Amino acid sequence: MSHGPLHDQHALISGASRGIGAAIAKALAAEGAALSLIARHWKSPDAAADGALRLAADVTDEATLAGATAKAVATHGPVTILVNNAGAAETAPFSRTDSALVRRMLALNLESVFALTRLVLPGMIAAGGGRVINIASTAGLKGYPYVSAYVAAKHGVVGFTRALALEVAKSGVTVNAICPGYTDTDLVAASVAGIAAKTGRPLEDIRAGLAASNPQGRLISPHEVAAAVVYLAGAAAGGINGATLSLSGGETA
């Protein structure tokens, strides 16, 4: 573990096994933070690697999530940086967006943020400070077709961020959201493959269409999201609270 500027911090990250979550874990580790990483599946559940505690838990199951968080605190001490990153989108036209799909999207993308924050916030307040960083999406700032349940959930994350930030403003805890546009991850690759399978369009054309939503004409890198997390987790960002940081090349403000 590095003796960087976050050497005395304990970061808990959900959805940490791949993509944006894995990039965030690597970036925070480089700054010296102790890591507890939550994902549904690990090759070696609960095994420590490079000082990181890997915890197998489904963020939509509050009992297992509470157990994982308790183990994280027992190992590394109270959580001082929480990154709510777990999430996914299911696509469907509204006519086929049934109640089960809506419940899945709300449970994974919104209710899990409430649940994990409830578990660690009291410790942050008792310690006199902490960082809650929610990985939302540009879908929390604007609409997209065929993902109405996901968009509703991510708008909820942005609203939750703004409300909780005001509630805890005098406690030393800050609450902020990062809203990436389409990001170069395996989840986006899977979405591209799914669209191709349904439409017969070439993969390259679909990927280019997603990149074109960014005025810079590219996908966002997971490392860019991770760099934003590192900044918000640091001492220099103490005055940033209730903010939504759009990483989208100008697609949203």
Protein backbone atom coordinates (compact mmCIF):
# COMPACT_ATOMS: atom_id res chain seq x y z
CA MET A 1 0.00 0.00 0.00
CA SER A 2 1.27 3.47 -0.91
CA HIS A 3 1.79 6.23 1.64
CA GLY A 4 -0.11 8.66 -0.57
CA PRO A 5 -2.48 11.46 0.42
CA LEU A 6 -5.28 8.98 1.20
CA HIS A 7 -3.10 6.63 3.30
CA ASP A 8 -5.32 7.08 6.36
CA GLN A 9 -8.59 6.53 4.48
CA HIS A 10 -10.74 3.42 4.06
CA ALA A 11 -12.62 3.27 0.77
CA LEU A 12 -15.58 0.95 0.22
CA ILE A 13 -16.50 0.50 -3.45
CA SER A 14 -19.50 -1.41 -4.82
CA GLY A 15 -19.50 -2.99 -8.26
CA ALA A 16 -15.71 -3.14 -8.00
CA SER A 17 -14.81 -6.26 -9.97
CA ARG A 18 -14.60 -4.70 -13.43
CA GLY A 19 -14.99 -1.61 -15.57
CA ILE A 20 -15.41 1.70 -13.78
CA GLY A 21 -15.34 0.10 -10.33
CA ALA A 22 -12.04 -1.68 -10.95
CA ALA A 23 -10.51 1.54 -12.30
CA ILE A 24 -11.66 3.45 -9.22
CA ALA A 25 -10.18 0.79 -6.93
CA LYS A 26 -6.82 0.97 -8.70
CA ALA A 27 -6.75 4.78 -8.57
CA LEU A 28 -7.64 4.99 -4.88
CA ALA A 29 -5.09 2.30 -4.05
CA ALA A 30 -2.43 4.35 -5.82
CA GLU A 31 -3.31 7.23 -3.47
CA GLY A 32 -2.76 4.98 -0.47
CA ALA A 33 -6.34 4.22 0.60
CA ALA A 34 -7.21 0.90 2.23
CA LEU A 35 -9.76 -0.85 0.02
CA SER A 36 -12.85 -2.96 0.60
CA LEU A 37 -14.37 -4.06 -2.69
CA ILE A 38 -17.90 -5.39 -3.13
CA ALA A 39 -19.09 -7.40 -6.12
CA ARG A 40 -21.57 -10.20 -6.66
CA HIS A 41 -18.90 -12.57 -7.92
CA TRP A 42 -15.16 -12.91 -7.40
CA LYS A 43 -12.89 -15.72 -8.56
CA SER A 44 -11.71 -15.99 -4.94
CA PRO A 45 -14.43 -14.47 -2.72
CA ASP A 46 -13.25 -12.68 0.41
CA ALA A 47 -9.59 -13.11 -0.54
CA ALA A 48 -7.27 -10.18 0.04
CA ALA A 49 -5.06 -9.09 -2.85
CA ASP A 50 -2.66 -6.15 -2.77
CA GLY A 51 -4.18 -5.06 0.52
CA ALA A 52 -7.73 -5.01 -0.87
CA LEU A 53 -10.48 -6.96 0.82
CA ARG A 54 -12.73 -8.62 -1.74
CA LEU A 55 -16.28 -9.14 -0.52
CA ALA A 56 -18.94 -11.14 -2.34
CA ALA A 57 -22.34 -9.52 -1.87
CA ASP A 58 -25.41 -8.64 -3.89
CA VAL A 59 -26.12 -4.94 -3.31
CA THR A 60 -29.85 -5.60 -3.69
CA ASP A 61 -29.77 -7.95 -0.67
CA GLU A 62 -29.53 -5.74 2.41
CA ALA A 63 -28.68 -8.59 4.78
CA THR A 64 -25.64 -9.77 2.83
CA LEU A 65 -24.66 -6.16 2.15
CA ALA A 66 -24.72 -5.44 5.89
CA GLY A 67 -22.55 -8.49 6.55
CA ALA A 68 -20.02 -7.44 3.91
CA THR A 69 -19.86 -3.90 5.29
CA ALA A 70 -19.35 -5.19 8.83
CA LYS A 71 -16.45 -7.34 7.64
CA ALA A 72 -14.93 -4.34 5.84
CA VAL A 73 -15.10 -2.23 9.01
CA ALA A 74 -13.66 -5.06 11.12
CA THR A 75 -10.73 -5.36 8.70
CA HIS A 76 -9.88 -1.76 7.83
CA GLY A 77 -11.77 0.34 10.35
CA PRO A 78 -14.63 2.77 9.71
CA VAL A 79 -15.37 3.61 6.08
CA THR A 80 -14.35 7.18 5.24
CA ILE A 81 -14.86 7.05 1.45
CA LEU A 82 -17.93 5.35 0.01
CA VAL A 83 -18.22 4.90 -3.75
CA ASN A 84 -21.67 3.69 -4.80
CA ASN A 85 -20.79 2.32 -8.22
CA ALA A 86 -22.86 -0.84 -8.70
CA GLY A 87 -25.45 -0.55 -11.45
CA ALA A 88 -26.62 -1.72 -14.84
CA ALA A 89 -29.18 -0.86 -17.49
CA GLU A 90 -31.82 -3.08 -19.08
CA THR A 91 -33.17 -1.90 -22.40
CA ALA A 92 -36.77 -2.24 -23.50
CA PRO A 93 -39.39 -0.02 -25.14
CA PHE A 94 -41.81 1.40 -22.60
CA SER A 95 -44.54 -0.92 -23.88
CA ARG A 96 -42.46 -3.86 -22.64
CA THR A 97 -41.16 -2.21 -19.47
CA ASP A 98 -43.11 -4.21 -16.91
CA SER A 99 -43.20 -3.81 -13.15
CA ALA A 100 -40.56 -6.50 -12.64
CA LEU A 101 -38.07 -4.64 -14.83
CA VAL A 102 -38.79 -1.36 -13.04
CA ARG A 103 -38.25 -3.01 -9.65
CA ARG A 104 -34.94 -4.54 -10.81
CA MET A 105 -33.64 -1.20 -12.05
CA LEU A 106 -34.70 0.67 -8.92
CA ALA A 107 -33.28 -2.00 -6.61
CA LEU A 108 -29.90 -2.17 -8.32
CA ASN A 109 -29.35 1.45 -9.29
CA LEU A 110 -31.13 3.42 -6.56
CA GLU A 111 -32.18 1.40 -3.54
CA SER A 112 -28.67 -0.07 -3.20
CA VAL A 113 -27.30 3.48 -2.91
CA PHE A 114 -29.67 4.19 -0.02
CA ALA A 115 -28.83 0.87 1.64
CA LEU A 116 -25.04 1.10 1.51
CA THR A 117 -25.03 4.77 2.49
CA ARG A 118 -27.24 4.02 5.51
CA LEU A 119 -24.70 1.43 6.63
CA VAL A 120 -21.63 3.69 6.58
CA LEU A 121 -22.91 7.23 7.10
CA PRO A 122 -23.30 7.03 10.90
CA GLY A 123 -19.62 6.11 11.21
CA MET A 124 -18.60 9.01 9.01
CA ILE A 125 -20.65 11.48 11.03
CA ALA A 126 -19.29 10.11 14.29
CA ALA A 127 -15.74 10.55 12.97
CA GLY A 128 -16.46 14.12 11.88
CA GLY A 129 -16.14 13.64 8.14
CA GLY A 130 -16.21 11.45 5.08
CA ARG A 131 -16.97 11.26 1.38
CA VAL A 132 -19.99 9.70 -0.32
CA ILE A 133 -19.46 9.55 -4.08
CA ASN A 134 -22.30 8.21 -6.21
CA ILE A 135 -21.58 7.04 -9.73
CA ALA A 136 -24.75 8.10 -11.51
CA SER A 137 -24.89 8.70 -15.27
CA THR A 138 -25.81 11.31 -17.82
CA ALA A 139 -29.08 9.34 -17.65
CA GLY A 140 -29.52 11.09 -14.30
CA LEU A 141 -29.40 14.47 -16.06
CA LYS A 142 -31.34 13.84 -19.30
CA GLY A 143 -33.53 11.24 -20.95
CA TYR A 144 -32.66 8.36 -23.26
CA PRO A 145 -35.14 6.19 -25.15
CA TYR A 146 -35.69 2.50 -24.33
CA VAL A 147 -34.21 2.76 -20.82
CA SER A 148 -36.98 4.62 -18.98
CA ALA A 149 -36.62 2.60 -15.76
CA TYR A 150 -32.84 3.07 -15.70
CA VAL A 151 -33.19 6.80 -16.40
CA ALA A 152 -35.73 7.13 -13.60
CA ALA A 153 -33.41 5.32 -11.19
CA LYS A 154 -30.38 7.46 -12.08
CA HIS A 155 -32.43 10.65 -11.75
CA GLY A 156 -33.26 9.31 -8.29
CA VAL A 157 -29.55 8.94 -7.49
CA VAL A 158 -28.94 12.57 -8.46
CA GLY A 159 -31.89 13.73 -6.34
CA PHE A 160 -30.71 11.63 -3.41
CA THR A 161 -27.23 13.13 -3.72
CA ARG A 162 -28.53 16.69 -3.60
CA ALA A 163 -30.90 16.04 -0.70
CA LEU A 164 -28.46 14.13 1.51
CA ALA A 165 -25.69 16.66 0.83
CA LEU A 166 -27.82 19.38 2.43
CA GLU A 167 -28.81 17.15 5.32
CA VAL A 168 -25.22 16.36 6.32
CA ALA A 169 -23.56 19.59 5.22
CA LYS A 170 -22.46 20.60 8.74
CA SER A 171 -21.17 17.15 9.67
CA GLY A 172 -17.98 17.19 7.63
CA VAL A 173 -19.38 14.62 5.21
CA THR A 174 -19.76 15.56 1.54
CA VAL A 175 -22.08 13.84 -0.92
CA ASN A 176 -21.51 14.19 -4.66
CA ALA A 177 -22.37 12.41 -7.89
CA ILE A 178 -20.36 11.72 -11.03
CA CYS A 179 -22.38 11.38 -14.23
CA PRO A 180 -20.40 9.67 -17.00
CA GLY A 181 -21.65 9.44 -20.55
CA TYR A 182 -21.19 6.24 -22.53
CA THR A 183 -18.01 4.71 -21.12
CA ASP A 184 -15.59 2.23 -22.67
CA THR A 185 -16.42 -0.80 -20.52
CA ASP A 186 -17.45 -4.39 -21.09
CA LEU A 187 -21.00 -3.44 -20.06
CA VAL A 188 -21.21 -1.02 -22.98
CA ALA A 189 -19.66 -3.68 -25.22
CA ALA A 190 -22.38 -6.10 -24.14
CA SER A 191 -25.04 -3.48 -24.91
CA VAL A 192 -23.55 -2.95 -28.35
CA ALA A 193 -23.59 -6.70 -28.96
CA GLY A 194 -27.22 -6.91 -27.82
CA ILE A 195 -28.30 -4.11 -30.14
CA ALA A 196 -26.44 -5.77 -33.01
CA ALA A 197 -28.15 -9.08 -32.32
CA LYS A 198 -31.59 -7.45 -32.33
CA THR A 199 -31.09 -5.15 -35.31
CA GLY A 200 -28.46 -6.81 -37.48
CA ARG A 201 -26.47 -3.56 -37.59
CA PRO A 202 -22.65 -3.79 -37.61
CA LEU A 203 -20.99 -3.53 -34.20
CA GLU A 204 -18.76 -0.69 -35.42
CA ASP A 205 -21.75 1.40 -36.49
CA ILE A 206 -23.49 0.95 -33.14
CA ARG A 207 -20.38 1.80 -31.16
CA ALA A 208 -19.80 4.87 -33.34
CA GLY A 209 -23.38 5.96 -32.70
CA LEU A 210 -22.85 5.82 -28.94
CA ALA A 211 -19.58 7.72 -29.23
CA ALA A 212 -21.31 10.36 -31.35
CA SER A 213 -23.56 11.29 -28.41
CA ASN A 214 -20.42 12.80 -26.89
CA PRO A 215 -19.59 16.09 -28.66
CA GLN A 216 -15.95 15.01 -28.49
CA GLY A 217 -16.89 11.99 -30.59
CA ARG A 218 -15.56 9.35 -28.21
CA LEU A 219 -16.39 7.09 -25.32
CA ILE A 220 -15.34 8.16 -21.83
CA SER A 221 -12.51 6.17 -20.26
CA PRO A 222 -13.05 4.43 -16.90
CA HIS A 223 -9.78 6.05 -15.81
CA GLU A 224 -11.33 9.50 -16.29
CA VAL A 225 -14.14 8.55 -13.91
CA ALA A 226 -11.59 7.18 -11.45
CA ALA A 227 -9.60 10.43 -11.56
CA ALA A 228 -12.75 12.38 -10.70
CA VAL A 229 -13.38 10.07 -7.74
CA VAL A 230 -9.82 10.61 -6.48
CA TYR A 231 -10.32 14.36 -6.63
CA LEU A 232 -13.67 14.31 -4.81
CA ALA A 233 -12.18 11.99 -2.18
CA GLY A 234 -9.30 14.35 -1.46
CA ALA A 235 -8.91 17.23 0.96
CA ALA A 236 -9.00 19.83 -1.83
CA ALA A 237 -12.64 18.93 -2.60
CA GLY A 238 -13.93 19.63 0.90
CA GLY A 239 -16.07 22.52 -0.32
CA ILE A 240 -17.75 20.51 -3.09
CA ASN A 241 -21.06 19.16 -1.81
CA GLY A 242 -24.27 18.20 -3.59
CA ALA A 243 -22.58 18.54 -6.98
CA THR A 244 -23.15 16.51 -10.12
CA LEU A 245 -20.03 16.26 -12.25
CA SER A 246 -20.85 15.44 -15.87
CA LEU A 247 -18.11 13.50 -17.67
CA SER A 248 -19.60 13.53 -21.12
CA GLY A 249 -17.54 15.79 -23.35
CA GLY A 250 -20.26 18.42 -23.18
CA GLU A 251 -23.31 16.21 -23.83
CA THR A 252 -24.79 17.47 -20.55
CA ALA A 253 -23.80 20.32 -18.28
